[in-house]
């Protein structure tokens, strides 16, 4: 099972694009803070990518500095830089949830796959 849940602060302004074939795509960097075993606070940044309906939902709601919870999966892609290939991991989001500064939900989350009841 490849399932990921992570909370953090949006560290860059989200970038919305329409990819080839008119597919909505949104990307940004998510800053995550956690403590190590030795008690040190560590900051890490992850590239986040959302597609289709999830990207459309996030386009109007997400801004730099907001706290957000994401659910999705981890994927890896290869990027060609000069003469070397780099392997980059990124989070593909299927569900967002806006959080307040205390980590509590502010808004109902959106899911990538709408239920049968949403088809109407």
PDB file of N, CA and C in Angstrom:
ATOM      1  N   UNK A   1       0.848  -1.173   0.000  1.00  0.00           N
ATOM      2  CA  UNK A   1       0.000   0.000   0.000  1.00  0.00           C
ATOM      3  C   UNK A   1       0.897   1.240   0.000  1.00  0.00           C
ATOM      4  N   UNK A   2       0.614   2.169  -0.870  1.00  0.00           N
ATOM      5  CA  UNK A   2       1.364   3.417  -0.956  1.00  0.00           C
ATOM      6  C   UNK A   2       0.403   4.551  -0.607  1.00  0.00           C
ATOM      7  N   UNK A   3       0.267   4.842   0.671  1.00  0.00           N
ATOM      8  CA  UNK A   3      -0.637   5.884   1.150  1.00  0.00           C
ATOM      9  C   UNK A   3       0.129   6.795   2.084  1.00  0.00           C
ATOM     10  N   UNK A   4      -0.052   8.098   1.936  1.00  0.00           N
ATOM     11  CA  UNK A   4       0.708   9.071   2.698  1.00  0.00           C
ATOM     12  C   UNK A   4      -0.236  10.126   3.260  1.00  0.00           C
ATOM     13  N   UNK A   5      -0.051  10.456   4.537  1.00  0.00           N
ATOM     14  CA  UNK A   5      -0.785  11.538   5.198  1.00  0.00           C
ATOM     15  C   UNK A   5       0.255  12.442   5.835  1.00  0.00           C
ATOM     16  N   UNK A   6       0.180  13.741   5.531  1.00  0.00           N
ATOM     17  CA  UNK A   6       1.178  14.655   6.080  1.00  0.00           C
ATOM     18  C   UNK A   6       0.571  16.056   6.219  1.00  0.00           C
ATOM     19  N   UNK A   7       0.938  16.740   7.287  1.00  0.00           N
ATOM     20  CA  UNK A   7       0.486  18.110   7.541  1.00  0.00           C
ATOM     21  C   UNK A   7       1.684  19.036   7.424  1.00  0.00           C
ATOM     22  N   UNK A   8       1.451  20.238   6.955  1.00  0.00           N
ATOM     23  CA  UNK A   8       2.534  21.211   6.877  1.00  0.00           C
ATOM     24  C   UNK A   8       2.030  22.565   6.430  1.00  0.00           C
ATOM     25  N   UNK A   9       2.977  23.452   6.210  1.00  0.00           N
ATOM     26  CA  UNK A   9       2.698  24.826   5.799  1.00  0.00           C
ATOM     27  C   UNK A   9       3.100  24.983   4.339  1.00  0.00           C
ATOM     28  N   UNK A  10       2.247  25.613   3.554  1.00  0.00           N
ATOM     29  CA  UNK A  10       2.562  25.828   2.143  1.00  0.00           C
ATOM     30  C   UNK A  10       3.697  26.831   2.064  1.00  0.00           C
ATOM     31  N   UNK A  11       4.849  26.379   1.548  1.00  0.00           N
ATOM     32  CA  UNK A  11       6.079  27.168   1.578  1.00  0.00           C
ATOM     33  C   UNK A  11       6.296  28.000   0.316  1.00  0.00           C
ATOM     34  N   UNK A  12       5.560  27.731  -0.731  1.00  0.00           N
ATOM     35  CA  UNK A  12       5.685  28.514  -1.963  1.00  0.00           C
ATOM     36  C   UNK A  12       4.293  28.798  -2.499  1.00  0.00           C
ATOM     37  N   UNK A  13       4.172  29.834  -3.304  1.00  0.00           N
ATOM     38  CA  UNK A  13       2.872  30.139  -3.893  1.00  0.00           C
ATOM     39  C   UNK A  13       2.501  28.998  -4.852  1.00  0.00           C
ATOM     40  N   UNK A  14       1.308  28.418  -4.711  1.00  0.00           N
ATOM     41  CA  UNK A  14       0.908  27.336  -5.617  1.00  0.00           C
ATOM     42  C   UNK A  14       0.868  27.818  -7.070  1.00  0.00           C
ATOM     43  N   UNK A  15       1.344  26.954  -7.975  1.00  0.00           N
ATOM     44  CA  UNK A  15       1.388  27.265  -9.406  1.00  0.00           C
ATOM     45  C   UNK A  15       0.383  26.362 -10.114  1.00  0.00           C
ATOM     46  N   UNK A  16      -0.571  26.998 -10.806  1.00  0.00           N
ATOM     47  CA  UNK A  16      -1.605  26.258 -11.527  1.00  0.00           C
ATOM     48  C   UNK A  16      -1.314  26.321 -13.015  1.00  0.00           C
ATOM     49  N   UNK A  17      -1.367  25.164 -13.682  1.00  0.00           N
ATOM     50  CA  UNK A  17      -1.158  25.085 -15.133  1.00  0.00           C
ATOM     51  C   UNK A  17      -2.173  24.129 -15.729  1.00  0.00           C
ATOM     52  N   UNK A  18      -2.452  24.342 -16.993  1.00  0.00           N
ATOM     53  CA  UNK A  18      -3.236  23.372 -17.751  1.00  0.00           C
ATOM     54  C   UNK A  18      -2.225  22.600 -18.590  1.00  0.00           C
ATOM     55  N   UNK A  19      -2.025  21.345 -18.257  1.00  0.00           N
ATOM     56  CA  UNK A  19      -1.067  20.504 -18.983  1.00  0.00           C
ATOM     57  C   UNK A  19      -1.669  20.098 -20.319  1.00  0.00           C
ATOM     58  N   UNK A  20      -0.866  19.441 -21.151  1.00  0.00           N
ATOM     59  CA  UNK A  20      -1.332  19.016 -22.477  1.00  0.00           C
ATOM     60  C   UNK A  20      -2.614  18.207 -22.345  1.00  0.00           C
ATOM     61  N   UNK A  21      -3.541  18.451 -23.248  1.00  0.00           N
ATOM     62  CA  UNK A  21      -4.818  17.768 -23.179  1.00  0.00           C
ATOM     63  C   UNK A  21      -5.775  18.428 -22.213  1.00  0.00           C
ATOM     64  N   UNK A  22      -5.481  19.671 -21.786  1.00  0.00           N
ATOM     65  CA  UNK A  22      -6.339  20.436 -20.879  1.00  0.00           C
ATOM     66  C   UNK A  22      -6.530  19.757 -19.529  1.00  0.00           C
ATOM     67  N   UNK A  23      -5.453  19.221 -18.970  1.00  0.00           N
ATOM     68  CA  UNK A  23      -5.496  18.574 -17.662  1.00  0.00           C
ATOM     69  C   UNK A  23      -5.004  19.566 -16.607  1.00  0.00           C
ATOM     70  N   UNK A  24      -5.856  19.931 -15.630  1.00  0.00           N
ATOM     71  CA  UNK A  24      -5.448  20.866 -14.581  1.00  0.00           C
ATOM     72  C   UNK A  24      -4.359  20.252 -13.688  1.00  0.00           C
ATOM     73  N   UNK A  25      -3.330  21.057 -13.372  1.00  0.00           N
ATOM     74  CA  UNK A  25      -2.202  20.589 -12.567  1.00  0.00           C
ATOM     75  C   UNK A  25      -1.758  21.725 -11.647  1.00  0.00           C
ATOM     76  N   UNK A  26      -1.609  21.430 -10.361  1.00  0.00           N
ATOM     77  CA  UNK A  26      -1.191  22.420  -9.377  1.00  0.00           C
ATOM     78  C   UNK A  26       0.012  21.877  -8.613  1.00  0.00           C
ATOM     79  N   UNK A  27       1.036  22.708  -8.420  1.00  0.00           N
ATOM     80  CA  UNK A  27       2.226  22.290  -7.674  1.00  0.00           C
ATOM     81  C   UNK A  27       2.612  23.357  -6.652  1.00  0.00           C
ATOM     82  N   UNK A  28       3.231  22.910  -5.562  1.00  0.00           N
ATOM     83  CA  UNK A  28       3.803  23.816  -4.569  1.00  0.00           C
ATOM     84  C   UNK A  28       4.733  23.020  -3.669  1.00  0.00           C
ATOM     85  N   UNK A  29       5.466  23.721  -2.814  1.00  0.00           N
ATOM     86  CA  UNK A  29       6.348  23.094  -1.829  1.00  0.00           C
ATOM     87  C   UNK A  29       5.671  23.135  -0.467  1.00  0.00           C
ATOM     88  N   UNK A  30       5.697  21.999   0.222  1.00  0.00           N
ATOM     89  CA  UNK A  30       5.104  21.872   1.543  1.00  0.00           C
ATOM     90  C   UNK A  30       6.222  21.777   2.576  1.00  0.00           C
ATOM     91  N   UNK A  31       6.223  22.696   3.544  1.00  0.00           N
ATOM     92  CA  UNK A  31       7.215  22.694   4.613  1.00  0.00           C
ATOM     93  C   UNK A  31       6.679  21.926   5.815  1.00  0.00           C
ATOM     94  N   UNK A  32       7.460  20.969   6.283  1.00  0.00           N
ATOM     95  CA  UNK A  32       7.049  20.116   7.393  1.00  0.00           C
ATOM     96  C   UNK A  32       8.083  20.229   8.503  1.00  0.00           C
ATOM     97  N   UNK A  33       7.615  20.383   9.735  1.00  0.00           N
ATOM     98  CA  UNK A  33       8.496  20.481  10.894  1.00  0.00           C
ATOM     99  C   UNK A  33       8.267  19.267  11.773  1.00  0.00           C
ATOM    100  N   UNK A  34       9.359  18.659  12.224  1.00  0.00           N
ATOM    101  CA  UNK A  34       9.233  17.528  13.153  1.00  0.00           C
ATOM    102  C   UNK A  34      10.459  17.461  14.042  1.00  0.00           C
ATOM    103  N   UNK A  35      10.358  16.688  15.100  1.00  0.00           N
ATOM    104  CA  UNK A  35      11.482  16.526  16.023  1.00  0.00           C
ATOM    105  C   UNK A  35      12.182  15.205  15.754  1.00  0.00           C
ATOM    106  N   UNK A  36      13.494  15.229  15.840  1.00  0.00           N
ATOM    107  CA  UNK A  36      14.279  14.013  15.682  1.00  0.00           C
ATOM    108  C   UNK A  36      14.327  13.261  17.009  1.00  0.00           C
ATOM    109  N   UNK A  37      14.895  12.085  16.981  1.00  0.00           N
ATOM    110  CA  UNK A  37      15.011  11.283  18.194  1.00  0.00           C
ATOM    111  C   UNK A  37      15.798  12.011  19.273  1.00  0.00           C
ATOM    112  N   UNK A  38      16.784  12.813  18.859  1.00  0.00           N
ATOM    113  CA  UNK A  38      17.608  13.557  19.820  1.00  0.00           C
ATOM    114  C   UNK A  38      16.929  14.832  20.320  1.00  0.00           C
ATOM    115  N   UNK A  39      15.727  15.135  19.802  1.00  0.00           N
ATOM    116  CA  UNK A  39      14.982  16.299  20.270  1.00  0.00           C
ATOM    117  C   UNK A  39      15.188  17.554  19.441  1.00  0.00           C
ATOM    118  N   UNK A  40      15.983  17.475  18.390  1.00  0.00           N
ATOM    119  CA  UNK A  40      16.202  18.631  17.522  1.00  0.00           C
ATOM    120  C   UNK A  40      14.987  18.839  16.615  1.00  0.00           C
ATOM    121  N   UNK A  41      14.654  20.103  16.353  1.00  0.00           N
ATOM    122  CA  UNK A  41      13.593  20.411  15.403  1.00  0.00           C
ATOM    123  C   UNK A  41      14.196  20.432  14.008  1.00  0.00           C
ATOM    124  N   UNK A  42      13.547  19.738  13.087  1.00  0.00           N
ATOM    125  CA  UNK A  42      14.048  19.627  11.722  1.00  0.00           C
ATOM    126  C   UNK A  42      12.962  20.081  10.747  1.00  0.00           C
ATOM    127  N   UNK A  43      13.365  20.808   9.714  1.00  0.00           N
ATOM    128  CA  UNK A  43      12.451  21.261   8.679  1.00  0.00           C
ATOM    129  C   UNK A  43      12.777  20.529   7.388  1.00  0.00           C
ATOM    130  N   UNK A  44      11.748  20.043   6.725  1.00  0.00           N
ATOM    131  CA  UNK A  44      11.908  19.372   5.436  1.00  0.00           C
ATOM    132  C   UNK A  44      10.877  19.944   4.477  1.00  0.00           C
ATOM    133  N   UNK A  45      11.201  19.922   3.188  1.00  0.00           N
ATOM    134  CA  UNK A  45      10.306  20.442   2.164  1.00  0.00           C
ATOM    135  C   UNK A  45      10.049  19.354   1.134  1.00  0.00           C
ATOM    136  N   UNK A  46       8.775  19.231   0.763  1.00  0.00           N
ATOM    137  CA  UNK A  46       8.365  18.213  -0.202  1.00  0.00           C
ATOM    138  C   UNK A  46       7.609  18.879  -1.341  1.00  0.00           C
ATOM    139  N   UNK A  47       7.881  18.420  -2.549  1.00  0.00           N
ATOM    140  CA  UNK A  47       7.135  18.913  -3.705  1.00  0.00           C
ATOM    141  C   UNK A  47       5.787  18.212  -3.719  1.00  0.00           C
ATOM    142  N   UNK A  48       4.737  19.003  -3.878  1.00  0.00           N
ATOM    143  CA  UNK A  48       3.375  18.487  -3.880  1.00  0.00           C
ATOM    144  C   UNK A  48       2.761  18.758  -5.246  1.00  0.00           C
ATOM    145  N   UNK A  49       2.041  17.777  -5.751  1.00  0.00           N
ATOM    146  CA  UNK A  49       1.425  17.878  -7.060  1.00  0.00           C
ATOM    147  C   UNK A  49      -0.026  17.407  -6.966  1.00  0.00           C
ATOM    148  N   UNK A  50      -0.949  18.168  -7.537  1.00  0.00           N
ATOM    149  CA  UNK A  50      -2.363  17.785  -7.567  1.00  0.00           C
ATOM    150  C   UNK A  50      -2.854  17.869  -9.003  1.00  0.00           C
ATOM    151  N   UNK A  51      -3.749  16.966  -9.365  1.00  0.00           N
ATOM    152  CA  UNK A  51      -4.249  16.886 -10.733  1.00  0.00           C
ATOM    153  C   UNK A  51      -5.771  16.928 -10.750  1.00  0.00           C
ATOM    154  N   UNK A  52      -6.329  17.236 -11.903  1.00  0.00           N
ATOM    155  CA  UNK A  52      -7.751  17.163 -12.207  1.00  0.00           C
ATOM    156  C   UNK A  52      -8.605  17.968 -11.225  1.00  0.00           C
ATOM    157  N   UNK A  53      -9.636  17.366 -10.700  1.00  0.00           N
ATOM    158  CA  UNK A  53     -10.590  18.043  -9.812  1.00  0.00           C
ATOM    159  C   UNK A  53      -9.918  18.564  -8.540  1.00  0.00           C
ATOM    160  N   UNK A  54      -8.968  17.836  -8.022  1.00  0.00           N
ATOM    161  CA  UNK A  54      -8.263  18.272  -6.814  1.00  0.00           C
ATOM    162  C   UNK A  54      -7.492  19.566  -7.089  1.00  0.00           C
ATOM    163  N   UNK A  55      -6.858  19.659  -8.248  1.00  0.00           N
ATOM    164  CA  UNK A  55      -6.119  20.872  -8.623  1.00  0.00           C
ATOM    165  C   UNK A  55      -7.066  22.054  -8.782  1.00  0.00           C
ATOM    166  N   UNK A  56      -8.219  21.827  -9.372  1.00  0.00           N
ATOM    167  CA  UNK A  56      -9.196  22.903  -9.545  1.00  0.00           C
ATOM    168  C   UNK A  56      -9.702  23.413  -8.201  1.00  0.00           C
ATOM    169  N   UNK A  57      -9.972  22.492  -7.269  1.00  0.00           N
ATOM    170  CA  UNK A  57     -10.418  22.878  -5.932  1.00  0.00           C
ATOM    171  C   UNK A  57      -9.341  23.706  -5.236  1.00  0.00           C
ATOM    172  N   UNK A  58      -8.108  23.259  -5.305  1.00  0.00           N
ATOM    173  CA  UNK A  58      -7.002  23.906  -4.601  1.00  0.00           C
ATOM    174  C   UNK A  58      -6.628  25.257  -5.211  1.00  0.00           C
ATOM    175  N   UNK A  59      -6.828  25.420  -6.499  1.00  0.00           N
ATOM    176  CA  UNK A  59      -6.454  26.654  -7.183  1.00  0.00           C
ATOM    177  C   UNK A  59      -7.073  27.881  -6.521  1.00  0.00           C
ATOM    178  N   UNK A  60      -8.320  27.805  -6.131  1.00  0.00           N
ATOM    179  CA  UNK A  60      -9.023  28.946  -5.555  1.00  0.00           C
ATOM    180  C   UNK A  60      -8.873  29.059  -4.041  1.00  0.00           C
ATOM    181  N   UNK A  61      -8.352  28.033  -3.379  1.00  0.00           N
ATOM    182  CA  UNK A  61      -8.357  28.009  -1.922  1.00  0.00           C
ATOM    183  C   UNK A  61      -6.983  28.044  -1.258  1.00  0.00           C
ATOM    184  N   UNK A  62      -5.960  27.565  -1.922  1.00  0.00           N
ATOM    185  CA  UNK A  62      -4.648  27.438  -1.280  1.00  0.00           C
ATOM    186  C   UNK A  62      -3.750  28.625  -1.596  1.00  0.00           C
ATOM    187  N   UNK A  63      -3.075  29.107  -0.555  1.00  0.00           N
ATOM    188  CA  UNK A  63      -2.126  30.218  -0.675  1.00  0.00           C
ATOM    189  C   UNK A  63      -0.905  29.921   0.173  1.00  0.00           C
ATOM    190  N   UNK A  64       0.181  30.577  -0.148  1.00  0.00           N
ATOM    191  CA  UNK A  64       1.410  30.442   0.623  1.00  0.00           C
ATOM    192  C   UNK A  64       1.157  30.840   2.078  1.00  0.00           C
ATOM    193  N   UNK A  65       1.714  30.060   3.005  1.00  0.00           N
ATOM    194  CA  UNK A  65       1.581  30.350   4.414  1.00  0.00           C
ATOM    195  C   UNK A  65       0.450  29.610   5.113  1.00  0.00           C
ATOM    196  N   UNK A  66      -0.467  29.010   4.358  1.00  0.00           N
ATOM    197  CA  UNK A  66      -1.568  28.268   4.970  1.00  0.00           C
ATOM    198  C   UNK A  66      -1.086  26.914   5.489  1.00  0.00           C
ATOM    199  N   UNK A  67      -1.750  26.442   6.548  1.00  0.00           N
ATOM    200  CA  UNK A  67      -1.511  25.089   7.039  1.00  0.00           C
ATOM    201  C   UNK A  67      -2.501  24.169   6.339  1.00  0.00           C
ATOM    202  N   UNK A  68      -2.000  23.027   5.889  1.00  0.00           N
ATOM    203  CA  UNK A  68      -2.828  22.108   5.127  1.00  0.00           C
ATOM    204  C   UNK A  68      -2.460  20.675   5.469  1.00  0.00           C
ATOM    205  N   UNK A  69      -3.435  19.806   5.402  1.00  0.00           N
ATOM    206  CA  UNK A  69      -3.222  18.376   5.555  1.00  0.00           C
ATOM    207  C   UNK A  69      -3.446  17.755   4.184  1.00  0.00           C
ATOM    208  N   UNK A  70      -2.557  16.866   3.769  1.00  0.00           N
ATOM    209  CA  UNK A  70      -2.704  16.224   2.473  1.00  0.00           C
ATOM    210  C   UNK A  70      -2.725  14.707   2.640  1.00  0.00           C
ATOM    211  N   UNK A  71      -3.492  14.067   1.779  1.00  0.00           N
ATOM    212  CA  UNK A  71      -3.531  12.609   1.705  1.00  0.00           C
ATOM    213  C   UNK A  71      -3.295  12.249   0.250  1.00  0.00           C
ATOM    214  N   UNK A  72      -2.420  11.317   0.024  1.00  0.00           N
ATOM    215  CA  UNK A  72      -2.115  10.924  -1.340  1.00  0.00           C
ATOM    216  C   UNK A  72      -1.116   9.798  -1.358  1.00  0.00           C
ATOM    217  N   UNK A  73      -0.234   9.826  -2.347  1.00  0.00           N
ATOM    218  CA  UNK A  73       0.777   8.784  -2.451  1.00  0.00           C
ATOM    219  C   UNK A  73       2.107   9.379  -2.888  1.00  0.00           C
ATOM    220  N   UNK A  74       3.154   8.650  -2.603  1.00  0.00           N
ATOM    221  CA  UNK A  74       4.509   9.070  -2.939  1.00  0.00           C
ATOM    222  C   UNK A  74       4.880   8.502  -4.303  1.00  0.00           C
ATOM    223  N   UNK A  75       5.462   9.330  -5.137  1.00  0.00           N
ATOM    224  CA  UNK A  75       5.904   8.877  -6.448  1.00  0.00           C
ATOM    225  C   UNK A  75       7.302   9.424  -6.720  1.00  0.00           C
ATOM    226  N   UNK A  76       7.947   8.878  -7.727  1.00  0.00           N
ATOM    227  CA  UNK A  76       9.301   9.301  -8.070  1.00  0.00           C
ATOM    228  C   UNK A  76       9.361   9.536  -9.568  1.00  0.00           C
ATOM    229  N   UNK A  77      10.080  10.580  -9.941  1.00  0.00           N
ATOM    230  CA  UNK A  77      10.272  10.862 -11.366  1.00  0.00           C
ATOM    231  C   UNK A  77      11.729  11.186 -11.615  1.00  0.00           C
ATOM    232  N   UNK A  78      12.130  11.119 -12.855  1.00  0.00           N
ATOM    233  CA  UNK A  78      13.509  11.388 -13.235  1.00  0.00           C
ATOM    234  C   UNK A  78      13.569  12.720 -13.969  1.00  0.00           C
ATOM    235  N   UNK A  79      14.521  13.564 -13.572  1.00  0.00           N
ATOM    236  CA  UNK A  79      14.725  14.868 -14.193  1.00  0.00           C
ATOM    237  C   UNK A  79      16.123  14.900 -14.773  1.00  0.00           C
ATOM    238  N   UNK A  80      16.232  15.345 -16.015  1.00  0.00           N
ATOM    239  CA  UNK A  80      17.542  15.449 -16.664  1.00  0.00           C
ATOM    240  C   UNK A  80      18.101  16.845 -16.412  1.00  0.00           C
ATOM    241  N   UNK A  81      19.234  16.931 -15.715  1.00  0.00           N
ATOM    242  CA  UNK A  81      19.919  18.197 -15.453  1.00  0.00           C
ATOM    243  C   UNK A  81      21.328  18.092 -16.017  1.00  0.00           C
ATOM    244  N   UNK A  82      21.615  18.930 -17.007  1.00  0.00           N
ATOM    245  CA  UNK A  82      22.925  18.913 -17.676  1.00  0.00           C
ATOM    246  C   UNK A  82      23.205  17.480 -18.144  1.00  0.00           C
ATOM    247  N   UNK A  83      24.239  16.862 -17.600  1.00  0.00           N
ATOM    248  CA  UNK A  83      24.607  15.515 -18.041  1.00  0.00           C
ATOM    249  C   UNK A  83      24.241  14.431 -17.039  1.00  0.00           C
ATOM    250  N   UNK A  84      23.461  14.788 -16.037  1.00  0.00           N
ATOM    251  CA  UNK A  84      23.111  13.789 -15.035  1.00  0.00           C
ATOM    252  C   UNK A  84      21.600  13.666 -14.874  1.00  0.00           C
ATOM    253  N   UNK A  85      21.184  12.497 -14.455  1.00  0.00           N
ATOM    254  CA  UNK A  85      19.773  12.254 -14.165  1.00  0.00           C
ATOM    255  C   UNK A  85      19.569  12.334 -12.662  1.00  0.00           C
ATOM    256  N   UNK A  86      18.570  13.105 -12.260  1.00  0.00           N
ATOM    257  CA  UNK A  86      18.232  13.219 -10.847  1.00  0.00           C
ATOM    258  C   UNK A  86      16.902  12.509 -10.601  1.00  0.00           C
ATOM    259  N   UNK A  87      16.814  11.808  -9.485  1.00  0.00           N
ATOM    260  CA  UNK A  87      15.570  11.162  -9.089  1.00  0.00           C
ATOM    261  C   UNK A  87      14.915  12.020  -8.016  1.00  0.00           C
ATOM    262  N   UNK A  88      13.697  12.453  -8.281  1.00  0.00           N
ATOM    263  CA  UNK A  88      12.977  13.331  -7.369  1.00  0.00           C
ATOM    264  C   UNK A  88      11.725  12.634  -6.866  1.00  0.00           C
ATOM    265  N   UNK A  89      11.530  12.680  -5.563  1.00  0.00           N
ATOM    266  CA  UNK A  89      10.299  12.154  -4.973  1.00  0.00           C
ATOM    267  C   UNK A  89       9.319  13.304  -4.811  1.00  0.00           C
ATOM    268  N   UNK A  90       8.045  13.026  -5.008  1.00  0.00           N
ATOM    269  CA  UNK A  90       7.025  14.041  -4.791  1.00  0.00           C
ATOM    270  C   UNK A  90       5.752  13.380  -4.278  1.00  0.00           C
ATOM    271  N   UNK A  91       4.923  14.195  -3.649  1.00  0.00           N
ATOM    272  CA  UNK A  91       3.646  13.735  -3.126  1.00  0.00           C
ATOM    273  C   UNK A  91       2.570  14.096  -4.141  1.00  0.00           C
ATOM    274  N   UNK A  92       1.820  13.099  -4.592  1.00  0.00           N
ATOM    275  CA  UNK A  92       0.667  13.343  -5.454  1.00  0.00           C
ATOM    276  C   UNK A  92      -0.558  13.328  -4.547  1.00  0.00           C
ATOM    277  N   UNK A  93      -1.234  14.461  -4.470  1.00  0.00           N
ATOM    278  CA  UNK A  93      -2.329  14.637  -3.526  1.00  0.00           C
ATOM    279  C   UNK A  93      -3.652  14.205  -4.142  1.00  0.00           C
ATOM    280  N   UNK A  94      -4.388  13.425  -3.378  1.00  0.00           N
ATOM    281  CA  UNK A  94      -5.741  13.030  -3.759  1.00  0.00           C
ATOM    282  C   UNK A  94      -6.779  13.759  -2.912  1.00  0.00           C
ATOM    283  N   UNK A  95      -6.339  14.271  -1.755  1.00  0.00           N
ATOM    284  CA  UNK A  95      -7.260  14.956  -0.846  1.00  0.00           C
ATOM    285  C   UNK A  95      -6.511  16.024  -0.056  1.00  0.00           C
ATOM    286  N   UNK A  96      -7.091  17.232   0.014  1.00  0.00           N
ATOM    287  CA  UNK A  96      -6.582  18.330   0.821  1.00  0.00           C
ATOM    288  C   UNK A  96      -7.552  18.600   1.962  1.00  0.00           C
ATOM    289  N   UNK A  97      -7.027  19.138   3.042  1.00  0.00           N
ATOM    290  CA  UNK A  97      -7.881  19.667   4.100  1.00  0.00           C
ATOM    291  C   UNK A  97      -7.177  20.885   4.674  1.00  0.00           C
ATOM    292  N   UNK A  98      -7.877  22.028   4.676  1.00  0.00           N
ATOM    293  CA  UNK A  98      -7.310  23.246   5.243  1.00  0.00           C
ATOM    294  C   UNK A  98      -7.313  23.131   6.760  1.00  0.00           C
ATOM    295  N   UNK A  99      -6.237  23.590   7.387  1.00  0.00           N
ATOM    296  CA  UNK A  99      -6.098  23.550   8.838  1.00  0.00           C
ATOM    297  C   UNK A  99      -5.895  24.959   9.364  1.00  0.00           C
ATOM    298  N   UNK A 100      -6.257  25.189  10.618  1.00  0.00           N
ATOM    299  CA  UNK A 100      -5.901  26.456  11.235  1.00  0.00           C
ATOM    300  C   UNK A 100      -4.517  26.291  11.861  1.00  0.00           C
ATOM    301  N   UNK A 101      -4.008  27.312  12.496  1.00  0.00           N
ATOM    302  CA  UNK A 101      -2.645  27.274  13.051  1.00  0.00           C
ATOM    303  C   UNK A 101      -2.488  26.206  14.135  1.00  0.00           C
ATOM    304  N   UNK A 102      -3.590  25.741  14.725  1.00  0.00           N
ATOM    305  CA  UNK A 102      -3.527  24.716  15.766  1.00  0.00           C
ATOM    306  C   UNK A 102      -3.637  23.310  15.192  1.00  0.00           C
ATOM    307  N   UNK A 103      -3.766  23.200  13.878  1.00  0.00           N
ATOM    308  CA  UNK A 103      -3.836  21.891  13.245  1.00  0.00           C
ATOM    309  C   UNK A 103      -5.232  21.299  13.194  1.00  0.00           C
ATOM    310  N   UNK A 104      -6.262  22.116  13.405  1.00  0.00           N
ATOM    311  CA  UNK A 104      -7.639  21.628  13.356  1.00  0.00           C
ATOM    312  C   UNK A 104      -8.258  21.971  12.009  1.00  0.00           C
ATOM    313  N   UNK A 105      -9.141  21.099  11.526  1.00  0.00           N
ATOM    314  CA  UNK A 105      -9.757  21.268  10.215  1.00  0.00           C
ATOM    315  C   UNK A 105     -10.608  22.528  10.157  1.00  0.00           C
ATOM    316  N   UNK A 106     -10.498  23.257   9.020  1.00  0.00           N
ATOM    317  CA  UNK A 106     -11.296  24.455   8.797  1.00  0.00           C
ATOM    318  C   UNK A 106     -12.382  24.218   7.757  1.00  0.00           C
ATOM    319  N   UNK A 107     -12.156  23.280   6.845  1.00  0.00           N
ATOM    320  CA  UNK A 107     -13.058  23.113   5.720  1.00  0.00           C
ATOM    321  C   UNK A 107     -13.142  21.638   5.356  1.00  0.00           C
ATOM    322  N   UNK A 108     -14.278  21.248   4.818  1.00  0.00           N
ATOM    323  CA  UNK A 108     -14.456  19.869   4.383  1.00  0.00           C
ATOM    324  C   UNK A 108     -13.465  19.551   3.278  1.00  0.00           C
ATOM    325  N   UNK A 109     -12.809  18.394   3.343  1.00  0.00           N
ATOM    326  CA  UNK A 109     -11.808  18.041   2.347  1.00  0.00           C
ATOM    327  C   UNK A 109     -12.425  17.724   0.986  1.00  0.00           C
ATOM    328  N   UNK A 110     -11.623  17.788  -0.043  1.00  0.00           N
ATOM    329  CA  UNK A 110     -12.036  17.404  -1.381  1.00  0.00           C
ATOM    330  C   UNK A 110     -11.342  16.099  -1.726  1.00  0.00           C
ATOM    331  N   UNK A 111     -12.037  15.246  -2.446  1.00  0.00           N
ATOM    332  CA  UNK A 111     -11.458  13.977  -2.871  1.00  0.00           C
ATOM    333  C   UNK A 111     -11.376  13.960  -4.377  1.00  0.00           C
ATOM    334  N   UNK A 112     -10.343  13.300  -4.903  1.00  0.00           N
ATOM    335  CA  UNK A 112     -10.130  13.213  -6.349  1.00  0.00           C
ATOM    336  C   UNK A 112     -11.252  12.428  -7.028  1.00  0.00           C
ATOM    337  N   UNK A 113     -11.657  11.311  -6.454  1.00  0.00           N
ATOM    338  CA  UNK A 113     -12.659  10.460  -7.068  1.00  0.00           C
ATOM    339  C   UNK A 113     -14.027  10.748  -6.460  1.00  0.00           C
ATOM    340  N   UNK A 114     -14.891  11.461  -7.200  1.00  0.00           N
ATOM    341  CA  UNK A 114     -16.200  11.778  -6.638  1.00  0.00           C
ATOM    342  C   UNK A 114     -17.043  10.516  -6.469  1.00  0.00           C
ATOM    343  N   UNK A 115     -17.926  10.538  -5.490  1.00  0.00           N
ATOM    344  CA  UNK A 115     -18.798   9.389  -5.284  1.00  0.00           C
ATOM    345  C   UNK A 115     -19.877   9.361  -6.349  1.00  0.00           C
ATOM    346  N   UNK A 116     -20.602   8.277  -6.413  1.00  0.00           N
ATOM    347  CA  UNK A 116     -21.672   8.126  -7.394  1.00  0.00           C
ATOM    348  C   UNK A 116     -22.724   9.201  -7.203  1.00  0.00           C
ATOM    349  N   UNK A 117     -22.959   9.617  -5.955  1.00  0.00           N
ATOM    350  CA  UNK A 117     -23.967  10.646  -5.672  1.00  0.00           C
ATOM    351  C   UNK A 117     -23.578  12.004  -6.230  1.00  0.00           C
ATOM    352  N   UNK A 118     -22.285  12.255  -6.460  1.00  0.00           N
ATOM    353  CA  UNK A 118     -21.821  13.542  -6.977  1.00  0.00           C
ATOM    354  C   UNK A 118     -22.022  13.664  -8.489  1.00  0.00           C
ATOM    355  N   UNK A 119     -22.354  12.567  -9.159  1.00  0.00           N
ATOM    356  CA  UNK A 119     -22.444  12.561 -10.610  1.00  0.00           C
ATOM    357  C   UNK A 119     -23.650  13.330 -11.140  1.00  0.00           C
ATOM    358  N   UNK A 120     -24.611  13.594 -10.298  1.00  0.00           N
ATOM    359  CA  UNK A 120     -25.833  14.259 -10.737  1.00  0.00           C
ATOM    360  C   UNK A 120     -25.634  15.686 -11.131  1.00  0.00           C
TER     361      UNK A 120
END
